[in-house]
Full PDB file with SEQRES, HELIX, SHEET, SSBOND, CRYST1, ORIGX, SCALE, CONECT and MASTER records, all heavy atoms in Angstrom:
SEQRES   1 A   38  GLY PHE CYS ILE SER ARG GLY LEU ALA LEU LYS MET SER          
SEQRES   2 A   38  PRO TRP ALA SER LEU GLY ASN PHE ILE SER THR ALA GLU          
SEQRES   3 A   38  ARG VAL ARG LEU PRO ASP ASP CYS THR ILE GLY TYR              
HELIX    1 AA1 ARG A    6  LYS A   11  1                                   6    
HELIX    2 AA2 SER A   13  ALA A   16  1                                   4    
HELIX    3 AA3 ASN A   20  VAL A   28  1                                   9    
HELIX    4 AA4 ASP A   32  GLY A   37  1                                   6    
CRYST1    1.000    1.000    1.000  90.00  90.00  90.00 P 1           1          
ORIGX1      1.000000  0.000000  0.000000        0.00000                         
ORIGX2      0.000000  1.000000  0.000000        0.00000                         
ORIGX3      0.000000  0.000000  1.000000        0.00000                         
SCALE1      1.000000  0.000000  0.000000        0.00000                         
SCALE2      0.000000  1.000000  0.000000        0.00000                         
SCALE3      0.000000  0.000000  1.000000        0.00000                         
ATOM      1  N   GLY A   1      13.923  -6.386  -1.039  1.00  0.00           N  
ATOM      2  CA  GLY A   1      13.480  -6.072   0.333  1.00  0.00           C  
ATOM      3  C   GLY A   1      13.310  -4.595   0.522  1.00  0.00           C  
ATOM      4  O   GLY A   1      14.094  -3.784  -0.118  1.00  0.00           O  
ATOM      5  N   PHE A   2      12.442  -4.163   1.410  1.00  0.00           N  
ATOM      6  CA  PHE A   2      12.357  -2.768   1.800  1.00  0.00           C  
ATOM      7  C   PHE A   2      11.785  -2.691   3.173  1.00  0.00           C  
ATOM      8  O   PHE A   2      11.215  -3.687   3.691  1.00  0.00           O  
ATOM      9  CB  PHE A   2      11.444  -1.990   0.780  1.00  0.00           C  
ATOM     10  CG  PHE A   2      10.052  -2.568   0.673  1.00  0.00           C  
ATOM     11  CD1 PHE A   2       9.085  -2.250   1.510  1.00  0.00           C  
ATOM     12  CD2 PHE A   2       9.725  -3.372  -0.439  1.00  0.00           C  
ATOM     13  CE1 PHE A   2       7.756  -2.772   1.431  1.00  0.00           C  
ATOM     14  CE2 PHE A   2       8.428  -3.915  -0.597  1.00  0.00           C  
ATOM     15  CZ  PHE A   2       7.509  -3.644   0.319  1.00  0.00           C  
ATOM     16  N   CYS A   3      11.901  -1.526   3.775  1.00  0.00           N  
ATOM     17  CA  CYS A   3      11.401  -1.322   5.194  1.00  0.00           C  
ATOM     18  C   CYS A   3      10.576  -0.046   5.255  1.00  0.00           C  
ATOM     19  O   CYS A   3      10.819   0.946   4.608  1.00  0.00           O  
ATOM     20  CB  CYS A   3      12.529  -1.258   6.218  1.00  0.00           C  
ATOM     21  SG  CYS A   3      13.487  -2.816   6.312  1.00  0.00           S  
ATOM     22  N   ILE A   4       9.583  -0.100   6.096  1.00  0.00           N  
ATOM     23  CA  ILE A   4       8.670   1.065   6.318  1.00  0.00           C  
ATOM     24  C   ILE A   4       8.529   1.270   7.838  1.00  0.00           C  
ATOM     25  O   ILE A   4       8.277   0.275   8.536  1.00  0.00           O  
ATOM     26  CB  ILE A   4       7.288   0.747   5.669  1.00  0.00           C  
ATOM     27  CG1 ILE A   4       7.401   0.594   4.133  1.00  0.00           C  
ATOM     28  CG2 ILE A   4       6.275   1.915   5.979  1.00  0.00           C  
ATOM     29  CD1 ILE A   4       6.151   0.113   3.417  1.00  0.00           C  
ATOM     30  N   SER A   5       8.621   2.508   8.256  1.00  0.00           N  
ATOM     31  CA  SER A   5       8.437   2.818   9.706  1.00  0.00           C  
ATOM     32  C   SER A   5       7.018   2.640  10.123  1.00  0.00           C  
ATOM     33  O   SER A   5       6.060   2.874   9.227  1.00  0.00           O  
ATOM     34  CB  SER A   5       8.972   4.224   9.970  1.00  0.00           C  
ATOM     35  OG  SER A   5       8.169   5.149   9.265  1.00  0.00           O  
ATOM     36  N   ARG A   6       6.771   2.457  11.358  1.00  0.00           N  
ATOM     37  CA  ARG A   6       5.376   2.314  11.897  1.00  0.00           C  
ATOM     38  C   ARG A   6       4.624   3.601  11.612  1.00  0.00           C  
ATOM     39  O   ARG A   6       3.478   3.621  11.211  1.00  0.00           O  
ATOM     40  CB  ARG A   6       5.363   1.962  13.351  1.00  0.00           C  
ATOM     41  CG  ARG A   6       3.947   1.764  13.847  1.00  0.00           C  
ATOM     42  CD  ARG A   6       3.902   1.087  15.266  1.00  0.00           C  
ATOM     43  NE  ARG A   6       2.549   0.512  15.384  1.00  0.00           N  
ATOM     44  CZ  ARG A   6       2.120  -0.626  14.931  1.00  0.00           C  
ATOM     45  NH1 ARG A   6       3.014  -1.446  14.289  1.00  0.00           N  
ATOM     46  NH2 ARG A   6       0.872  -1.025  15.123  1.00  0.00           N  
ATOM     47  N   GLY A   7       5.332   4.765  11.901  1.00  0.00           N  
ATOM     48  CA  GLY A   7       4.648   6.039  11.616  1.00  0.00           C  
ATOM     49  C   GLY A   7       4.097   6.189  10.284  1.00  0.00           C  
ATOM     50  O   GLY A   7       2.914   6.643  10.055  1.00  0.00           O  
ATOM     51  N   LEU A   8       4.867   5.779   9.265  1.00  0.00           N  
ATOM     52  CA  LEU A   8       4.407   5.874   7.874  1.00  0.00           C  
ATOM     53  C   LEU A   8       3.385   4.829   7.580  1.00  0.00           C  
ATOM     54  O   LEU A   8       2.401   5.054   6.869  1.00  0.00           O  
ATOM     55  CB  LEU A   8       5.598   5.736   6.946  1.00  0.00           C  
ATOM     56  CG  LEU A   8       5.374   5.757   5.473  1.00  0.00           C  
ATOM     57  CD1 LEU A   8       4.653   7.078   5.078  1.00  0.00           C  
ATOM     58  CD2 LEU A   8       6.676   5.673   4.642  1.00  0.00           C  
ATOM     59  N   ALA A   9       3.543   3.609   8.101  1.00  0.00           N  
ATOM     60  CA  ALA A   9       2.598   2.526   7.836  1.00  0.00           C  
ATOM     61  C   ALA A   9       1.212   2.923   8.334  1.00  0.00           C  
ATOM     62  O   ALA A   9       0.221   2.602   7.643  1.00  0.00           O  
ATOM     63  CB  ALA A   9       3.082   1.229   8.522  1.00  0.00           C  
ATOM     64  N   LEU A  10       1.137   3.624   9.402  1.00  0.00           N  
ATOM     65  CA  LEU A  10      -0.189   4.074   9.928  1.00  0.00           C  
ATOM     66  C   LEU A  10      -0.809   5.044   9.024  1.00  0.00           C  
ATOM     67  O   LEU A  10      -2.061   4.994   8.778  1.00  0.00           O  
ATOM     68  CB  LEU A  10      -0.041   4.649  11.331  1.00  0.00           C  
ATOM     69  CG  LEU A  10       0.289   3.656  12.457  1.00  0.00           C  
ATOM     70  CD1 LEU A  10       0.722   4.399  13.709  1.00  0.00           C  
ATOM     71  CD2 LEU A  10      -0.900   2.716  12.725  1.00  0.00           C  
ATOM     72  N   LYS A  11      -0.026   5.921   8.394  1.00  0.00           N  
ATOM     73  CA  LYS A  11      -0.578   6.856   7.470  1.00  0.00           C  
ATOM     74  C   LYS A  11      -1.112   6.198   6.172  1.00  0.00           C  
ATOM     75  O   LYS A  11      -1.918   6.785   5.461  1.00  0.00           O  
ATOM     76  CB  LYS A  11       0.495   7.986   7.102  1.00  0.00           C  
ATOM     77  CG  LYS A  11       0.811   8.862   8.215  1.00  0.00           C  
ATOM     78  CD  LYS A  11       1.763   9.955   7.802  1.00  0.00           C  
ATOM     79  CE  LYS A  11       2.178  10.859   8.945  1.00  0.00           C  
ATOM     80  NZ  LYS A  11       3.209  11.763   8.606  1.00  0.00           N  
ATOM     81  N   MET A  12      -0.545   5.042   5.827  1.00  0.00           N  
ATOM     82  CA  MET A  12      -0.922   4.314   4.634  1.00  0.00           C  
ATOM     83  C   MET A  12      -2.263   3.595   4.783  1.00  0.00           C  
ATOM     84  O   MET A  12      -2.890   3.173   3.823  1.00  0.00           O  
ATOM     85  CB  MET A  12       0.133   3.248   4.289  1.00  0.00           C  
ATOM     86  CG  MET A  12       1.453   3.706   3.953  1.00  0.00           C  
ATOM     87  SD  MET A  12       2.682   2.394   3.945  1.00  0.00           S  
ATOM     88  CE  MET A  12       2.056   1.387   2.577  1.00  0.00           C  
ATOM     89  N   SER A  13      -2.670   3.544   6.020  1.00  0.00           N  
ATOM     90  CA  SER A  13      -3.885   2.715   6.346  1.00  0.00           C  
ATOM     91  C   SER A  13      -5.059   2.884   5.466  1.00  0.00           C  
ATOM     92  O   SER A  13      -5.725   1.904   5.031  1.00  0.00           O  
ATOM     93  CB  SER A  13      -4.252   2.927   7.823  1.00  0.00           C  
ATOM     94  OG  SER A  13      -5.379   2.210   8.153  1.00  0.00           O  
ATOM     95  N   PRO A  14      -5.527   4.118   5.117  1.00  0.00           N  
ATOM     96  CA  PRO A  14      -6.706   4.224   4.312  1.00  0.00           C  
ATOM     97  C   PRO A  14      -6.669   3.547   2.948  1.00  0.00           C  
ATOM     98  O   PRO A  14      -7.631   3.082   2.361  1.00  0.00           O  
ATOM     99  CB  PRO A  14      -6.834   5.807   4.029  1.00  0.00           C  
ATOM    100  CG  PRO A  14      -6.048   6.393   5.188  1.00  0.00           C  
ATOM    101  CD  PRO A  14      -4.940   5.396   5.549  1.00  0.00           C  
ATOM    102  N   TRP A  15      -5.421   3.401   2.449  1.00  0.00           N  
ATOM    103  CA  TRP A  15      -5.252   2.679   1.077  1.00  0.00           C  
ATOM    104  C   TRP A  15      -4.697   1.290   1.259  1.00  0.00           C  
ATOM    105  O   TRP A  15      -4.586   0.620   0.236  1.00  0.00           O  
ATOM    106  CB  TRP A  15      -4.288   3.533   0.257  1.00  0.00           C  
ATOM    107  CG  TRP A  15      -4.748   4.915   0.022  1.00  0.00           C  
ATOM    108  CD1 TRP A  15      -5.723   5.316  -0.886  1.00  0.00           C  
ATOM    109  CD2 TRP A  15      -4.347   6.123   0.790  1.00  0.00           C  
ATOM    110  NE1 TRP A  15      -5.945   6.677  -0.816  1.00  0.00           N  
ATOM    111  CE2 TRP A  15      -5.122   7.145   0.206  1.00  0.00           C  
ATOM    112  CE3 TRP A  15      -3.466   6.341   1.805  1.00  0.00           C  
ATOM    113  CZ2 TRP A  15      -4.959   8.501   0.693  1.00  0.00           C  
ATOM    114  CZ3 TRP A  15      -3.322   7.653   2.252  1.00  0.00           C  
ATOM    115  CH2 TRP A  15      -4.061   8.721   1.674  1.00  0.00           C  
ATOM    116  N   ALA A  16      -4.270   0.922   2.444  1.00  0.00           N  
ATOM    117  CA  ALA A  16      -3.546  -0.333   2.599  1.00  0.00           C  
ATOM    118  C   ALA A  16      -4.215  -1.404   3.529  1.00  0.00           C  
ATOM    119  O   ALA A  16      -3.973  -2.572   3.381  1.00  0.00           O  
ATOM    120  CB  ALA A  16      -2.116  -0.110   3.040  1.00  0.00           C  
ATOM    121  N   SER A  17      -4.955  -0.921   4.513  1.00  0.00           N  
ATOM    122  CA  SER A  17      -5.417  -1.931   5.516  1.00  0.00           C  
ATOM    123  C   SER A  17      -6.749  -2.620   5.097  1.00  0.00           C  
ATOM    124  O   SER A  17      -7.520  -2.101   4.338  1.00  0.00           O  
ATOM    125  CB  SER A  17      -5.597  -1.208   6.842  1.00  0.00           C  
ATOM    126  OG  SER A  17      -6.610  -0.292   6.787  1.00  0.00           O  
ATOM    127  N   LEU A  18      -6.871  -3.797   5.623  1.00  0.00           N  
ATOM    128  CA  LEU A  18      -8.116  -4.574   5.521  1.00  0.00           C  
ATOM    129  C   LEU A  18      -8.649  -4.596   4.113  1.00  0.00           C  
ATOM    130  O   LEU A  18      -9.832  -4.318   3.885  1.00  0.00           O  
ATOM    131  CB  LEU A  18      -9.135  -4.036   6.480  1.00  0.00           C  
ATOM    132  CG  LEU A  18      -8.725  -3.952   7.921  1.00  0.00           C  
ATOM    133  CD1 LEU A  18      -9.758  -3.202   8.782  1.00  0.00           C  
ATOM    134  CD2 LEU A  18      -8.584  -5.379   8.523  1.00  0.00           C  
ATOM    135  N   GLY A  19      -7.824  -5.069   3.189  1.00  0.00           N  
ATOM    136  CA  GLY A  19      -8.270  -5.275   1.833  1.00  0.00           C  
ATOM    137  C   GLY A  19      -8.223  -4.028   0.941  1.00  0.00           C  
ATOM    138  O   GLY A  19      -8.360  -4.151  -0.258  1.00  0.00           O  
ATOM    139  N   ASN A  20      -8.054  -2.876   1.578  1.00  0.00           N  
ATOM    140  CA  ASN A  20      -7.936  -1.612   0.712  1.00  0.00           C  
ATOM    141  C   ASN A  20      -6.780  -1.686  -0.164  1.00  0.00           C  
ATOM    142  O   ASN A  20      -6.736  -1.103  -1.272  1.00  0.00           O  
ATOM    143  CB  ASN A  20      -7.855  -0.387   1.609  1.00  0.00           C  
ATOM    144  CG  ASN A  20      -9.139  -0.070   2.325  1.00  0.00           C  
ATOM    145  OD1 ASN A  20     -10.219  -0.417   1.813  1.00  0.00           O  
ATOM    146  ND2 ASN A  20      -9.040   0.377   3.572  1.00  0.00           N  
ATOM    147  N   PHE A  21      -5.749  -2.418   0.273  1.00  0.00           N  
ATOM    148  CA  PHE A  21      -4.502  -2.511  -0.575  1.00  0.00           C  
ATOM    149  C   PHE A  21      -4.827  -3.148  -1.959  1.00  0.00           C  
ATOM    150  O   PHE A  21      -4.367  -2.657  -2.923  1.00  0.00           O  
ATOM    151  CB  PHE A  21      -3.445  -3.354   0.141  1.00  0.00           C  
ATOM    152  CG  PHE A  21      -2.113  -3.322  -0.528  1.00  0.00           C  
ATOM    153  CD1 PHE A  21      -1.252  -2.236  -0.392  1.00  0.00           C  
ATOM    154  CD2 PHE A  21      -1.709  -4.405  -1.390  1.00  0.00           C  
ATOM    155  CE1 PHE A  21      -0.042  -2.252  -1.066  1.00  0.00           C  
ATOM    156  CE2 PHE A  21      -0.508  -4.336  -2.019  1.00  0.00           C  
ATOM    157  CZ  PHE A  21       0.325  -3.277  -1.895  1.00  0.00           C  
ATOM    158  N   ILE A  22      -5.699  -4.149  -1.891  1.00  0.00           N  
ATOM    159  CA  ILE A  22      -6.022  -4.871  -3.119  1.00  0.00           C  
ATOM    160  C   ILE A  22      -6.770  -3.904  -4.064  1.00  0.00           C  
ATOM    161  O   ILE A  22      -6.503  -3.894  -5.243  1.00  0.00           O  
ATOM    162  CB  ILE A  22      -6.835  -6.149  -2.788  1.00  0.00           C  
ATOM    163  CG1 ILE A  22      -5.931  -7.083  -2.007  1.00  0.00           C  
ATOM    164  CG2 ILE A  22      -7.274  -6.806  -4.056  1.00  0.00           C  
ATOM    165  CD1 ILE A  22      -6.510  -8.284  -1.392  1.00  0.00           C  
ATOM    166  N   SER A  23      -7.710  -3.126  -3.467  1.00  0.00           N  
ATOM    167  CA  SER A  23      -8.469  -2.221  -4.378  1.00  0.00           C  
ATOM    168  C   SER A  23      -7.571  -1.103  -4.878  1.00  0.00           C  
ATOM    169  O   SER A  23      -7.748  -0.667  -6.036  1.00  0.00           O  
ATOM    170  CB  SER A  23      -9.733  -1.692  -3.719  1.00  0.00           C  
ATOM    171  OG  SER A  23      -9.574  -1.508  -2.327  1.00  0.00           O  
ATOM    172  N   THR A  24      -6.623  -0.591  -4.015  1.00  0.00           N  
ATOM    173  CA  THR A  24      -5.685   0.396  -4.503  1.00  0.00           C  
ATOM    174  C   THR A  24      -4.847  -0.103  -5.703  1.00  0.00           C  
ATOM    175  O   THR A  24      -4.678   0.530  -6.663  1.00  0.00           O  
ATOM    176  CB  THR A  24      -4.776   0.834  -3.326  1.00  0.00           C  
ATOM    177  OG1 THR A  24      -5.563   1.246  -2.217  1.00  0.00           O  
ATOM    178  CG2 THR A  24      -3.818   1.965  -3.794  1.00  0.00           C  
ATOM    179  N   ALA A  25      -4.360  -1.355  -5.536  1.00  0.00           N  
ATOM    180  CA  ALA A  25      -3.552  -1.957  -6.600  1.00  0.00           C  
ATOM    181  C   ALA A  25      -4.329  -2.105  -7.866  1.00  0.00           C  
ATOM    182  O   ALA A  25      -3.843  -1.890  -9.009  1.00  0.00           O  
ATOM    183  CB  ALA A  25      -3.034  -3.325  -6.117  1.00  0.00           C  
ATOM    184  N   GLU A  26      -5.569  -2.461  -7.772  1.00  0.00           N  
ATOM    185  CA  GLU A  26      -6.479  -2.644  -8.932  1.00  0.00           C  
ATOM    186  C   GLU A  26      -6.676  -1.390  -9.664  1.00  0.00           C  
ATOM    187  O   GLU A  26      -6.775  -1.251 -10.813  1.00  0.00           O  
ATOM    188  CB  GLU A  26      -7.781  -3.276  -8.541  1.00  0.00           C  
ATOM    189  CG  GLU A  26      -7.696  -4.804  -8.368  1.00  0.00           C  
ATOM    190  CD  GLU A  26      -7.060  -5.476  -9.536  1.00  0.00           C  
ATOM    191  OE1 GLU A  26      -7.547  -5.323 -10.675  1.00  0.00           O  
ATOM    192  OE2 GLU A  26      -6.009  -6.145  -9.380  1.00  0.00           O  
ATOM    193  N   ARG A  27      -6.831  -0.286  -8.819  1.00  0.00           N  
ATOM    194  CA  ARG A  27      -7.163   1.020  -9.363  1.00  0.00           C  
ATOM    195  C   ARG A  27      -5.984   1.545 -10.210  1.00  0.00           C  
ATOM    196  O   ARG A  27      -6.187   2.176 -11.198  1.00  0.00           O  
ATOM    197  CB  ARG A  27      -7.391   2.001  -8.102  1.00  0.00           C  
ATOM    198  CG  ARG A  27      -8.140   3.179  -8.494  1.00  0.00           C  
ATOM    199  CD  ARG A  27      -8.551   4.004  -7.263  1.00  0.00           C  
ATOM    200  NE  ARG A  27      -7.423   4.860  -6.836  1.00  0.00           N  
ATOM    201  CZ  ARG A  27      -7.282   5.384  -5.625  1.00  0.00           C  
ATOM    202  NH1 ARG A  27      -8.103   4.966  -4.690  1.00  0.00           N  
ATOM    203  NH2 ARG A  27      -6.337   6.203  -5.344  1.00  0.00           N  
ATOM    204  N   VAL A  28      -4.738   1.315  -9.796  1.00  0.00           N  
ATOM    205  CA  VAL A  28      -3.632   1.747 -10.589  1.00  0.00           C  
ATOM    206  C   VAL A  28      -2.989   0.642 -11.474  1.00  0.00           C  
ATOM    207  O   VAL A  28      -2.110   0.822 -12.206  1.00  0.00           O  
ATOM    208  CB  VAL A  28      -2.522   2.369  -9.738  1.00  0.00           C  
ATOM    209  CG1 VAL A  28      -2.942   3.742  -9.227  1.00  0.00           C  
ATOM    210  CG2 VAL A  28      -2.153   1.488  -8.529  1.00  0.00           C  
ATOM    211  N   ARG A  29      -3.558  -0.626 -11.299  1.00  0.00           N  
ATOM    212  CA  ARG A  29      -3.192  -1.809 -12.124  1.00  0.00           C  
ATOM    213  C   ARG A  29      -1.669  -2.038 -12.018  1.00  0.00           C  
ATOM    214  O   ARG A  29      -1.081  -2.234 -13.039  1.00  0.00           O  
ATOM    215  CB  ARG A  29      -3.644  -1.585 -13.587  1.00  0.00           C  
ATOM    216  CG  ARG A  29      -5.126  -1.386 -13.621  1.00  0.00           C  
ATOM    217  CD  ARG A  29      -5.697  -1.310 -14.954  1.00  0.00           C  
ATOM    218  NE  ARG A  29      -7.137  -0.777 -14.781  1.00  0.00           N  
ATOM    219  CZ  ARG A  29      -7.916  -0.379 -15.782  1.00  0.00           C  
ATOM    220  NH1 ARG A  29      -7.423  -0.353 -17.026  1.00  0.00           N  
ATOM    221  NH2 ARG A  29      -9.151   0.006 -15.502  1.00  0.00           N  
ATOM    222  N   LEU A  30      -1.216  -2.061 -10.793  1.00  0.00           N  
ATOM    223  CA  LEU A  30       0.229  -2.278 -10.554  1.00  0.00           C  
ATOM    224  C   LEU A  30       0.499  -3.465  -9.650  1.00  0.00           C  
ATOM    225  O   LEU A  30      -0.384  -3.774  -8.834  1.00  0.00           O  
ATOM    226  CB  LEU A  30       0.844  -1.026  -9.926  1.00  0.00           C  
ATOM    227  CG  LEU A  30       0.995   0.156 -10.852  1.00  0.00           C  
ATOM    228  CD1 LEU A  30       1.442   1.401  -9.990  1.00  0.00           C  
ATOM    229  CD2 LEU A  30       1.925  -0.081 -11.995  1.00  0.00           C  
ATOM    230  N   PRO A  31       1.648  -4.084  -9.696  1.00  0.00           N  
ATOM    231  CA  PRO A  31       2.033  -5.119  -8.764  1.00  0.00           C  
ATOM    232  C   PRO A  31       2.149  -4.624  -7.375  1.00  0.00           C  
ATOM    233  O   PRO A  31       2.173  -3.401  -7.083  1.00  0.00           O  
ATOM    234  CB  PRO A  31       3.369  -5.633  -9.322  1.00  0.00           C  
ATOM    235  CG  PRO A  31       3.577  -5.043 -10.609  1.00  0.00           C  
ATOM    236  CD  PRO A  31       2.678  -3.862 -10.712  1.00  0.00           C  
ATOM    237  N   ASP A  32       2.345  -5.523  -6.427  1.00  0.00           N  
ATOM    238  CA  ASP A  32       2.438  -5.176  -4.977  1.00  0.00           C  
ATOM    239  C   ASP A  32       3.501  -4.096  -4.632  1.00  0.00           C  
ATOM    240  O   ASP A  32       3.132  -3.189  -3.899  1.00  0.00           O  
ATOM    241  CB  ASP A  32       2.610  -6.475  -4.166  1.00  0.00           C  
ATOM    242  CG  ASP A  32       3.756  -7.340  -4.539  1.00  0.00           C  
ATOM    243  OD1 ASP A  32       4.351  -7.072  -5.616  1.00  0.00           O  
ATOM    244  OD2 ASP A  32       4.129  -8.262  -3.793  1.00  0.00           O  
ATOM    245  N   ASP A  33       4.724  -4.348  -5.032  1.00  0.00           N  
ATOM    246  CA  ASP A  33       5.767  -3.450  -4.635  1.00  0.00           C  
ATOM    247  C   ASP A  33       5.623  -2.019  -5.254  1.00  0.00           C  
ATOM    248  O   ASP A  33       5.911  -0.993  -4.621  1.00  0.00           O  
ATOM    249  CB  ASP A  33       7.232  -3.990  -4.910  1.00  0.00           C  
ATOM    250  CG  ASP A  33       7.403  -4.462  -6.333  1.00  0.00           C  
ATOM    251  OD1 ASP A  33       6.486  -4.406  -7.136  1.00  0.00           O  
ATOM    252  OD2 ASP A  33       8.511  -4.926  -6.620  1.00  0.00           O  
ATOM    253  N   CYS A  34       5.115  -2.021  -6.477  1.00  0.00           N  
ATOM    254  CA  CYS A  34       4.813  -0.676  -7.081  1.00  0.00           C  
ATOM    255  C   CYS A  34       3.659   0.048  -6.397  1.00  0.00           C  
ATOM    256  O   CYS A  34       3.702   1.236  -6.238  1.00  0.00           O  
ATOM    257  CB  CYS A  34       4.357  -0.881  -8.561  1.00  0.00           C  
ATOM    258  SG  CYS A  34       5.623  -1.718  -9.547  1.00  0.00           S  
ATOM    259  N   THR A  35       2.684  -0.742  -5.947  1.00  0.00           N  
ATOM    260  CA  THR A  35       1.556  -0.142  -5.261  1.00  0.00           C  
ATOM    261  C   THR A  35       1.960   0.529  -3.941  1.00  0.00           C  
ATOM    262  O   THR A  35       1.461   1.565  -3.542  1.00  0.00           O  
ATOM    263  CB  THR A  35       0.451  -1.181  -5.030  1.00  0.00           C  
ATOM    264  OG1 THR A  35       0.062  -1.730  -6.291  1.00  0.00           O  
ATOM    265  CG2 THR A  35      -0.804  -0.620  -4.370  1.00  0.00           C  
ATOM    266  N   ILE A  36       2.909  -0.170  -3.228  1.00  0.00           N  
ATOM    267  CA  ILE A  36       3.467   0.399  -2.008  1.00  0.00           C  
ATOM    268  C   ILE A  36       4.064   1.797  -2.317  1.00  0.00           C  
ATOM    269  O   ILE A  36       3.837   2.769  -1.638  1.00  0.00           O  
ATOM    270  CB  ILE A  36       4.556  -0.527  -1.415  1.00  0.00           C  
ATOM    271  CG1 ILE A  36       3.915  -1.835  -0.929  1.00  0.00           C  
ATOM    272  CG2 ILE A  36       5.361   0.213  -0.263  1.00  0.00           C  
ATOM    273  CD1 ILE A  36       3.324  -1.873   0.471  1.00  0.00           C  
ATOM    274  N   GLY A  37       4.928   1.843  -3.398  1.00  0.00           N  
ATOM    275  CA  GLY A  37       5.510   3.096  -3.779  1.00  0.00           C  
ATOM    276  C   GLY A  37       4.457   4.119  -4.193  1.00  0.00           C  
ATOM    277  O   GLY A  37       4.655   5.328  -3.904  1.00  0.00           O  
ATOM    278  N   TYR A  38       3.439   3.718  -4.853  1.00  0.00           N  
ATOM    279  CA  TYR A  38       2.326   4.586  -5.277  1.00  0.00           C  
ATOM    280  C   TYR A  38       1.705   5.234  -4.025  1.00  0.00           C  
ATOM    281  O   TYR A  38       1.462   6.444  -3.983  1.00  0.00           O  
ATOM    282  CB  TYR A  38       1.320   3.837  -6.141  1.00  0.00           C  
ATOM    283  CG  TYR A  38       0.020   4.547  -6.323  1.00  0.00           C  
ATOM    284  CD1 TYR A  38      -0.059   5.718  -7.128  1.00  0.00           C  
ATOM    285  CD2 TYR A  38      -1.163   4.151  -5.658  1.00  0.00           C  
ATOM    286  CE1 TYR A  38      -1.186   6.389  -7.296  1.00  0.00           C  
ATOM    287  CE2 TYR A  38      -2.322   4.833  -5.872  1.00  0.00           C  
ATOM    288  CZ  TYR A  38      -2.369   5.961  -6.684  1.00  0.00           C  
ATOM    289  OH  TYR A  38      -3.589   6.635  -6.882  1.00  0.00           O  
TER     290      TYR A  38                                                      
MASTER        0    0    0    4    0    0    0    6  289    1    0    3          
END                                                                             
């Protein structure tokens, strides 16, 4: 388990929202939790 503040989650948006998360993960070829750290 891990937690992320709303302030930080909003900054992640370009790489994480609306399907961007999947393309970010593919780009670095990493699982979900690693991609969050990336």
